[in-house]
Amino acid sequence: MFFKILIRYMWGYINIKVEGYFVEKFVNKCINENIFFWNVKREKSTIAYMNVGIKDFKKLCRISKEVKCKVNVLEKKGLPFFLYRYRKRKILVILIILIILVLFIASKFIWKVEIVGLNNIDAREITSLLEQKGIKAGTLRKNINAQQVINEIRLEREDIAWIGIIVQGTNAIIKIVESDSKPEVINEEEYCNIVATKDAQIVKISAQNGIPVVKTDDIVTKGDILIAGWIEGKYTGTRYVHAEGEVKAKVWYTEKEQVPLNQVVEKNTGNLEKKYKIKINNFTINLFKTLSKFKKYDTIETCNQIKIFSNFYLPINLIQITNVEKEEEKITYGIEDAKQIGIRKASEKIEKQLNNDQEVLQKYVNTYAINDSIVTEVTYEVLENIGTKEKIVF
């Protein structure tokens, strides 16, 4: 659509007013004769406004006579009319022609690669992989074989369930659906044991199939067999089975935090300074010369790629550099305050490791001083199911 309008602009187009009782019939006949028009606006039921190319105007006049509608030219637009209006300003005309030529050439390339749908996969990995396959800024659009790239990536990456490549204007949109990492599923007809996933103390063991080889209060380590996938019979001997059951156990999660009583922290003063630079492909132009006036600061860079329309990007990036001033502040904590900070931070780390299936039984806190710091050790005693199936290999 955009390229059609761009071509019409280069050849010139007119804004017309169509008036009559058969405006809809007029529009339908234009469509049937493949006349391209755009920016259609309706006024009442008998008047319509639209843009149409100069070359199609004679056809419109013929159609308007056939359907008994009146066509009036409201405005002439486009490059030919613009050049005629400013024909005495040669430098301006040449400049405009060069800009249009550059835009036309730029439209043949990809200038932005947008990746959507990533959650666990590092975007840099996919960007690097796409560059190896030839999809990167500066690639000719016609040189991109989207289906071939899709097939190759699907074969190389097991963590990608689906990938789609859409080229819109100078923008290549890469849509990715990540595959779920699923645990190994053991067929019910296969022999297996139930083993411990963690070091723990057994609280309850319930075996539906197989023989429990541990009992309540036993201490087990990761990988120990909890429910054996075999049964000893007096007359049948050893018979292997698919072990089934649940093993509840106490598991301990421990985290340490060291909190200095005297600290120097940095905080924002609220003062900012903004600087800008322009990046044209791989060439950078700094729009500032002086260094930052702040002694201590954090720098945040925001990159905005220039685009003319929604999917017509140019190889020009406007980079905003924001310096946020920092200042140091000395803080002195009391012993009790330091303990509470340590407990809170250590507890938050442990709770991030837990899920809804785990029940916290006890919380133990131990603190002690080292030099000018308070060390806090927090331990959660958690009740959880620690059994997982492991295939028996003969």
Protein backbone atom coordinates (compact mmCIF):
# COMPACT_ATOMS: atom_id res chain seq x y z
CA MET A 1 0.00 0.00 0.00
CA PHE A 2 2.71 2.50 1.00
CA PHE A 3 4.79 1.80 -2.09
CA LYS A 4 1.78 2.30 -4.36
CA ILE A 5 1.12 5.69 -2.76
CA LEU A 6 4.84 6.58 -3.00
CA ILE A 7 4.85 5.79 -6.72
CA ARG A 8 1.69 7.86 -7.24
CA TYR A 9 3.36 10.74 -5.41
CA MET A 10 6.38 10.54 -7.71
CA TRP A 11 4.16 10.56 -10.83
CA GLY A 12 1.68 13.02 -9.36
CA TYR A 13 -1.88 12.62 -8.13
CA ILE A 14 -5.01 14.71 -7.66
CA ASN A 15 -7.59 15.10 -4.93
CA ILE A 16 -11.07 14.91 -6.45
CA LYS A 17 -14.69 15.40 -5.41
CA VAL A 18 -17.25 12.94 -6.79
CA GLU A 19 -20.85 14.08 -6.62
CA GLY A 20 -24.03 12.29 -7.73
CA TYR A 21 -26.68 9.78 -6.81
CA PHE A 22 -24.59 6.80 -7.90
CA VAL A 23 -21.34 7.37 -5.95
CA GLU A 24 -21.22 3.73 -4.78
CA LYS A 25 -21.65 2.52 -8.35
CA PHE A 26 -18.82 4.86 -9.39
CA VAL A 27 -16.50 3.39 -6.71
CA ASN A 28 -17.40 -0.20 -7.65
CA LYS A 29 -16.67 0.39 -11.35
CA CYS A 30 -13.29 1.92 -10.41
CA ILE A 31 -12.44 -1.17 -8.40
CA ASN A 32 -13.52 -3.46 -11.26
CA GLU A 33 -11.20 -1.60 -13.65
CA ASN A 34 -8.27 -1.83 -11.16
CA ILE A 35 -8.07 1.92 -10.61
CA PHE A 36 -6.09 2.57 -7.44
CA PHE A 37 -7.48 5.29 -5.16
CA TRP A 38 -6.96 6.06 -1.50
CA ASN A 39 -7.86 8.35 1.39
CA VAL A 40 -11.56 8.02 0.59
CA LYS A 41 -13.90 10.21 2.63
CA ARG A 42 -17.67 10.20 2.40
CA GLU A 43 -19.90 13.25 2.83
CA LYS A 44 -23.59 12.45 2.96
CA SER A 45 -24.68 9.77 0.50
CA THR A 46 -24.06 11.75 -2.68
CA ILE A 47 -20.53 13.15 -2.18
CA ALA A 48 -17.15 11.42 -1.83
CA TYR A 49 -13.56 12.68 -1.78
CA MET A 50 -10.52 10.63 -2.81
CA ASN A 51 -6.97 10.72 -4.17
CA VAL A 52 -6.17 9.19 -7.55
CA GLY A 53 -3.14 9.06 -9.85
CA ILE A 54 -2.92 11.37 -12.87
CA LYS A 55 -2.78 8.43 -15.30
CA ASP A 56 -6.13 7.13 -14.04
CA PHE A 57 -7.94 10.47 -14.24
CA LYS A 58 -9.14 9.98 -17.84
CA LYS A 59 -10.64 6.60 -16.91
CA LEU A 60 -12.41 8.27 -13.98
CA CYS A 61 -13.94 10.87 -16.26
CA ARG A 62 -15.27 8.15 -18.56
CA ILE A 63 -16.72 6.19 -15.63
CA SER A 64 -18.29 9.33 -14.14
CA LYS A 65 -20.16 9.95 -17.42
CA GLU A 66 -21.35 6.34 -17.49
CA VAL A 67 -22.79 6.50 -13.96
CA LYS A 68 -23.90 10.15 -14.28
CA CYS A 69 -21.65 11.55 -11.54
CA LYS A 70 -19.78 14.84 -11.55
CA VAL A 71 -16.00 14.90 -10.88
CA ASN A 72 -14.22 18.06 -9.74
CA VAL A 73 -10.45 18.44 -9.25
CA LEU A 74 -9.83 20.06 -5.84
CA GLU A 75 -6.05 19.91 -5.56
CA LYS A 76 -3.03 18.73 -7.52
CA LYS A 77 -0.30 17.05 -5.51
CA GLY A 78 2.88 15.08 -5.98
CA LEU A 79 6.42 15.55 -7.20
CA PRO A 80 5.73 16.91 -10.74
CA PHE A 81 3.47 19.68 -9.44
CA PHE A 82 5.87 20.45 -6.58
CA LEU A 83 8.83 20.69 -8.96
CA TYR A 84 6.88 22.93 -11.32
CA ARG A 85 5.93 25.23 -8.44
CA TYR A 86 9.55 25.54 -7.28
CA ARG A 87 11.23 25.18 -10.71
CA LYS A 88 13.35 28.31 -10.16
CA ARG A 89 14.84 26.97 -6.91
CA LYS A 90 17.18 24.45 -8.47
CA ILE A 91 19.13 23.49 -5.34
CA LEU A 92 15.92 22.75 -3.43
CA VAL A 93 14.56 20.68 -6.30
CA ILE A 94 17.81 18.69 -6.62
CA LEU A 95 17.86 18.09 -2.88
CA ILE A 96 14.29 16.80 -2.88
CA ILE A 97 15.02 14.51 -5.81
CA LEU A 98 18.07 13.13 -3.97
CA ILE A 99 16.03 12.53 -0.80
CA ILE A 100 13.34 10.68 -2.73
CA LEU A 101 16.00 8.63 -4.53
CA VAL A 102 17.66 7.73 -1.22
CA LEU A 103 14.31 6.75 0.29
CA PHE A 104 13.50 4.61 -2.73
CA ILE A 105 16.85 2.81 -2.51
CA ALA A 106 16.54 2.45 1.29
CA SER A 107 13.14 0.78 0.86
CA LYS A 108 14.89 -2.17 -0.80
CA PHE A 109 16.79 -3.08 2.38
CA ILE A 110 16.01 -4.34 5.87
CA TRP A 111 16.96 -1.73 8.49
CA LYS A 112 15.33 -3.13 11.60
CA VAL A 113 15.10 -6.70 12.93
CA GLU A 114 12.47 -7.04 15.66
CA ILE A 115 12.32 -10.23 17.75
CA VAL A 116 9.16 -10.94 19.75
CA GLY A 117 8.07 -13.83 21.98
CA LEU A 118 11.29 -14.49 23.90
CA ASN A 119 11.06 -15.24 27.64
CA ASN A 120 13.86 -17.65 28.55
CA ILE A 121 16.09 -17.53 25.46
CA ASP A 122 18.71 -14.77 25.32
CA ALA A 123 17.80 -12.33 22.53
CA ARG A 124 21.51 -11.93 21.68
CA GLU A 125 21.68 -15.64 20.77
CA ILE A 126 18.80 -15.31 18.32
CA THR A 127 20.18 -12.05 16.89
CA SER A 128 23.56 -13.70 16.27
CA LEU A 129 21.87 -16.75 14.73
CA LEU A 130 19.77 -14.59 12.40
CA GLU A 131 22.85 -12.64 11.31
CA GLN A 132 24.54 -15.93 10.39
CA LYS A 133 21.49 -16.76 8.27
CA GLY A 134 21.65 -13.36 6.53
CA ILE A 135 18.85 -11.53 8.36
CA LYS A 136 20.33 -8.29 9.70
CA ALA A 137 20.23 -4.55 9.14
CA GLY A 138 21.47 -3.72 5.64
CA THR A 139 20.31 -6.95 3.98
CA LEU A 140 18.47 -6.71 0.66
CA ARG A 141 14.86 -7.75 1.16
CA LYS A 142 14.87 -9.92 -1.97
CA ASN A 143 17.86 -11.91 -0.64
CA ILE A 144 15.94 -13.16 2.40
CA ASN A 145 14.68 -16.72 2.03
CA ALA A 146 12.35 -16.75 5.03
CA GLN A 147 11.22 -20.38 4.72
CA GLN A 148 14.78 -21.70 4.46
CA VAL A 149 15.86 -19.72 7.54
CA ILE A 150 12.81 -21.00 9.48
CA ASN A 151 13.59 -24.61 8.58
CA GLU A 152 17.27 -24.31 9.54
CA ILE A 153 16.56 -22.67 12.90
CA ARG A 154 13.90 -25.26 13.78
CA LEU A 155 16.45 -28.02 13.13
CA GLU A 156 19.24 -26.32 15.10
CA ARG A 157 17.27 -25.11 18.15
CA GLU A 158 15.25 -27.59 20.21
CA ASP A 159 14.15 -24.78 22.54
CA ILE A 160 12.15 -23.14 19.74
CA ALA A 161 8.74 -24.70 19.06
CA TRP A 162 7.72 -22.32 16.26
CA ILE A 163 9.25 -19.41 14.38
CA GLY A 164 7.76 -17.04 11.82
CA ILE A 165 9.44 -14.32 9.73
CA ILE A 166 7.40 -11.40 8.40
CA VAL A 167 8.96 -8.67 6.25
CA GLN A 168 6.96 -5.44 6.37
CA GLY A 169 8.50 -2.43 4.67
CA THR A 170 12.08 -2.20 5.92
CA ASN A 171 11.20 -4.09 9.11
CA ALA A 172 11.75 -7.84 9.62
CA ILE A 173 9.58 -9.17 12.45
CA ILE A 174 10.74 -12.48 13.94
CA LYS A 175 8.01 -14.18 15.98
CA ILE A 176 9.14 -17.02 18.25
CA VAL A 177 7.29 -19.52 20.43
CA GLU A 178 9.58 -21.21 22.93
CA SER A 179 9.22 -24.93 23.61
CA ASP A 180 8.55 -26.12 27.14
CA SER A 181 11.27 -28.20 28.77
CA LYS A 182 9.45 -31.34 29.86
CA PRO A 183 10.82 -33.97 32.25
CA GLU A 184 11.47 -37.44 30.88
CA VAL A 185 8.22 -39.38 30.85
CA ILE A 186 8.62 -43.04 31.88
CA ASN A 187 6.09 -45.38 30.32
CA GLU A 188 3.93 -47.21 32.87
CA GLU A 189 5.06 -50.52 31.39
CA GLU A 190 8.73 -49.74 32.09
CA TYR A 191 10.45 -50.69 35.34
CA CYS A 192 11.54 -47.82 37.57
CA ASN A 193 12.50 -46.81 41.11
CA ILE A 194 11.46 -43.72 43.00
CA VAL A 195 14.59 -41.82 44.10
CA ALA A 196 15.29 -38.69 46.18
CA THR A 197 15.64 -35.37 44.37
CA LYS A 198 17.23 -33.68 47.43
CA ASP A 199 18.97 -34.29 50.72
CA ALA A 200 16.18 -34.63 53.30
CA GLN A 201 14.69 -36.35 56.37
CA ILE A 202 11.79 -38.71 55.66
CA VAL A 203 8.46 -37.77 57.26
CA LYS A 204 6.01 -40.04 55.46
CA ILE A 205 6.33 -42.69 52.76
CA SER A 206 3.40 -44.20 50.91
CA ALA A 207 4.04 -46.87 48.28
CA GLN A 208 1.27 -47.99 45.89
CA ASN A 209 3.62 -50.23 43.95
CA GLY A 210 7.15 -51.35 44.85
CA ILE A 211 8.92 -51.79 48.17
CA PRO A 212 9.83 -48.84 50.49
CA VAL A 213 13.53 -49.07 51.37
CA VAL A 214 13.55 -46.14 53.82
CA LYS A 215 11.43 -45.35 56.85
CA THR A 216 10.28 -42.34 58.83
CA ASP A 217 13.09 -40.14 60.25
CA ASP A 218 15.74 -41.65 57.93
CA ILE A 219 18.20 -39.16 56.44
CA VAL A 220 18.59 -39.55 52.66
CA THR A 221 20.77 -37.87 50.09
CA LYS A 222 19.98 -36.92 46.53
CA GLY A 223 19.78 -40.02 44.30
CA ASP A 224 19.04 -42.53 47.08
CA ILE A 225 16.35 -45.10 46.28
CA LEU A 226 13.19 -44.46 48.32
CA ILE A 227 10.76 -46.96 46.77
CA ALA A 228 12.38 -49.87 44.95
CA GLY A 229 10.93 -51.04 41.66
CA TRP A 230 11.13 -54.70 42.49
CA ILE A 231 9.31 -57.16 44.76
CA GLU A 232 10.87 -60.23 46.38
CA GLY A 233 8.51 -63.26 46.40
CA LYS A 234 9.06 -66.47 48.31
CA TYR A 235 8.13 -68.56 45.32
CA THR A 236 8.40 -66.09 42.44
CA GLY A 237 11.82 -64.64 43.28
CA THR A 238 12.59 -61.06 42.23
CA ARG A 239 9.85 -59.42 40.16
CA TYR A 240 10.43 -55.93 38.69
CA VAL A 241 7.62 -53.35 38.68
CA HIS A 242 6.87 -49.72 37.86
CA ALA A 243 7.23 -48.07 41.29
CA GLU A 244 4.42 -45.74 42.37
CA GLY A 245 4.12 -43.70 45.56
CA GLU A 246 4.69 -40.45 47.42
CA VAL A 247 7.49 -39.55 49.78
CA LYS A 248 7.12 -36.51 52.04
CA ALA A 249 10.29 -35.23 53.67
CA LYS A 250 11.83 -32.29 55.49
CA VAL A 251 14.16 -30.24 53.30
CA TRP A 252 16.30 -27.34 54.53
CA TYR A 253 16.97 -24.15 52.60
CA THR A 254 19.66 -21.84 54.00
CA GLU A 255 20.82 -18.38 52.97
CA LYS A 256 23.36 -16.00 54.54
CA GLU A 257 23.47 -12.22 54.47
CA GLN A 258 26.28 -9.99 55.75
CA VAL A 259 25.21 -6.43 56.62
CA PRO A 260 27.96 -3.89 57.47
CA LEU A 261 27.04 -1.55 60.33
CA ASN A 262 28.70 1.35 58.52
CA GLN A 263 27.86 1.70 54.86
CA VAL A 264 28.37 4.18 52.06
CA VAL A 265 25.43 4.11 49.67
CA GLU A 266 24.75 6.03 46.49
CA LYS A 267 21.47 7.84 45.93
CA ASN A 268 20.02 9.99 43.16
CA THR A 269 20.14 13.74 43.62
CA GLY A 270 17.37 14.28 41.08
CA ASN A 271 19.67 16.19 38.71
CA LEU A 272 19.79 15.04 35.08
CA GLU A 273 21.60 16.03 31.94
CA LYS A 274 20.73 14.85 28.46
CA LYS A 275 23.03 14.54 25.47
CA TYR A 276 22.36 13.19 22.00
CA LYS A 277 24.18 11.44 19.20
CA ILE A 278 23.16 10.16 15.80
CA LYS A 279 24.15 6.75 14.50
CA ILE A 280 23.89 6.22 10.75
CA ASN A 281 24.39 2.51 10.20
CA ASN A 282 27.87 2.05 11.78
CA PHE A 283 28.89 5.72 11.71
CA THR A 284 28.29 7.79 14.89
CA ILE A 285 27.99 11.58 15.14
CA ASN A 286 28.23 13.06 18.66
CA LEU A 287 26.07 16.16 19.12
CA PHE A 288 27.94 17.17 22.27
CA LYS A 289 31.58 17.97 23.01
CA THR A 290 31.87 18.48 26.76
CA LEU A 291 32.17 15.82 29.42
CA SER A 292 29.53 15.42 32.11
CA LYS A 293 29.45 18.13 34.77
CA PHE A 294 28.64 15.50 37.41
CA LYS A 295 31.40 13.84 39.46
CA LYS A 296 29.39 10.66 40.04
CA TYR A 297 26.60 9.55 37.75
CA ASP A 298 24.85 6.65 36.06
CA THR A 299 24.38 6.70 32.31
CA ILE A 300 21.22 5.51 30.59
CA GLU A 301 21.13 5.19 26.79
CA THR A 302 17.84 5.22 24.88
CA CYS A 303 17.95 4.37 21.20
CA ASN A 304 15.13 5.36 18.84
CA GLN A 305 15.34 4.26 15.22
CA ILE A 306 13.95 6.82 12.80
CA LYS A 307 10.95 5.70 10.78
CA ILE A 308 8.80 7.49 8.22
CA PHE A 309 5.79 5.21 8.47
CA SER A 310 4.83 2.33 10.78
CA ASN A 311 7.13 -0.19 9.07
CA PHE A 312 9.43 2.04 7.00
CA TYR A 313 12.56 2.29 9.12
CA LEU A 314 15.73 4.12 8.11
CA PRO A 315 19.32 3.18 9.06
CA ILE A 316 19.39 6.23 11.35
CA ASN A 317 19.25 5.99 15.14
CA LEU A 318 18.80 8.93 17.50
CA ILE A 319 20.49 8.00 20.77
CA GLN A 320 19.61 9.91 23.94
CA ILE A 321 22.22 9.74 26.70
CA THR A 322 20.85 10.58 30.14
CA ASN A 323 23.31 11.11 32.99
CA VAL A 324 21.73 10.73 36.44
CA GLU A 325 23.75 12.42 39.19
CA LYS A 326 24.64 10.32 42.24
CA GLU A 327 25.93 11.30 45.65
CA GLU A 328 27.38 9.21 48.44
CA GLU A 329 25.67 9.00 51.79
CA LYS A 330 27.06 7.39 54.95
CA ILE A 331 24.60 5.22 56.87
CA THR A 332 25.14 3.68 60.30
CA TYR A 333 22.90 0.80 61.36
CA GLY A 334 22.25 -0.42 64.86
CA ILE A 335 22.83 -4.12 65.55
CA GLU A 336 19.11 -4.91 65.64
CA ASP A 337 18.44 -2.99 62.41
CA ALA A 338 21.25 -4.86 60.67
CA LYS A 339 19.80 -8.18 61.86
CA GLN A 340 16.37 -7.34 60.50
CA ILE A 341 17.79 -6.28 57.14
CA GLY A 342 19.77 -9.52 56.92
CA ILE A 343 16.73 -11.63 57.87
CA ARG A 344 14.56 -9.90 55.28
CA LYS A 345 17.08 -10.27 52.43
CA ALA A 346 17.90 -13.91 53.23
CA SER A 347 14.21 -14.79 53.59
CA GLU A 348 13.39 -13.20 50.23
CA LYS A 349 16.09 -15.30 48.53
CA ILE A 350 14.71 -18.52 50.04
CA GLU A 351 11.08 -17.72 49.26
CA LYS A 352 11.96 -17.23 45.59
CA GLN A 353 13.04 -20.89 45.54
CA LEU A 354 9.76 -22.19 47.00
CA ASN A 355 6.43 -22.89 45.31
CA ASN A 356 2.85 -23.45 46.45
CA ASP A 357 3.30 -27.22 46.87
CA GLN A 358 5.85 -26.74 49.66
CA GLU A 359 4.84 -26.21 53.28
CA VAL A 360 7.14 -24.20 55.59
CA LEU A 361 7.37 -26.00 58.95
CA GLN A 362 9.96 -23.95 60.79
CA LYS A 363 12.11 -20.88 60.30
CA TYR A 364 15.48 -20.73 62.09
CA VAL A 365 17.57 -17.58 62.45
CA ASN A 366 21.17 -17.41 63.62
CA THR A 367 23.16 -14.16 63.81
CA TYR A 368 26.72 -13.34 64.77
CA ALA A 369 29.16 -10.45 64.41
CA ILE A 370 32.23 -10.37 62.16
CA ASN A 371 34.34 -7.21 62.50
CA ASP A 372 31.89 -4.34 61.85
CA SER A 373 29.23 -6.52 60.22
CA ILE A 374 26.31 -8.66 61.31
CA VAL A 375 25.99 -12.02 59.58
CA THR A 376 22.48 -13.45 59.47
CA GLU A 377 21.86 -17.10 58.61
CA VAL A 378 18.25 -18.00 57.86
CA THR A 379 17.07 -21.61 57.44
CA TYR A 380 13.62 -22.71 56.28
CA GLU A 381 12.51 -26.25 57.17
CA VAL A 382 10.10 -27.24 54.41
CA LEU A 383 7.84 -30.25 53.92
CA GLU A 384 7.71 -31.41 50.30
CA ASN A 385 7.52 -34.39 48.01
CA ILE A 386 11.08 -35.42 47.14
CA GLY A 387 10.40 -38.51 45.03
CA THR A 388 10.96 -38.81 41.29
CA LYS A 389 10.93 -41.78 38.97
CA GLU A 390 14.17 -43.22 37.61
CA LYS A 391 14.24 -45.96 35.02
CA ILE A 392 15.87 -49.25 36.02
CA VAL A 393 18.73 -50.04 33.63
CA PHE A 394 19.77 -53.68 33.41
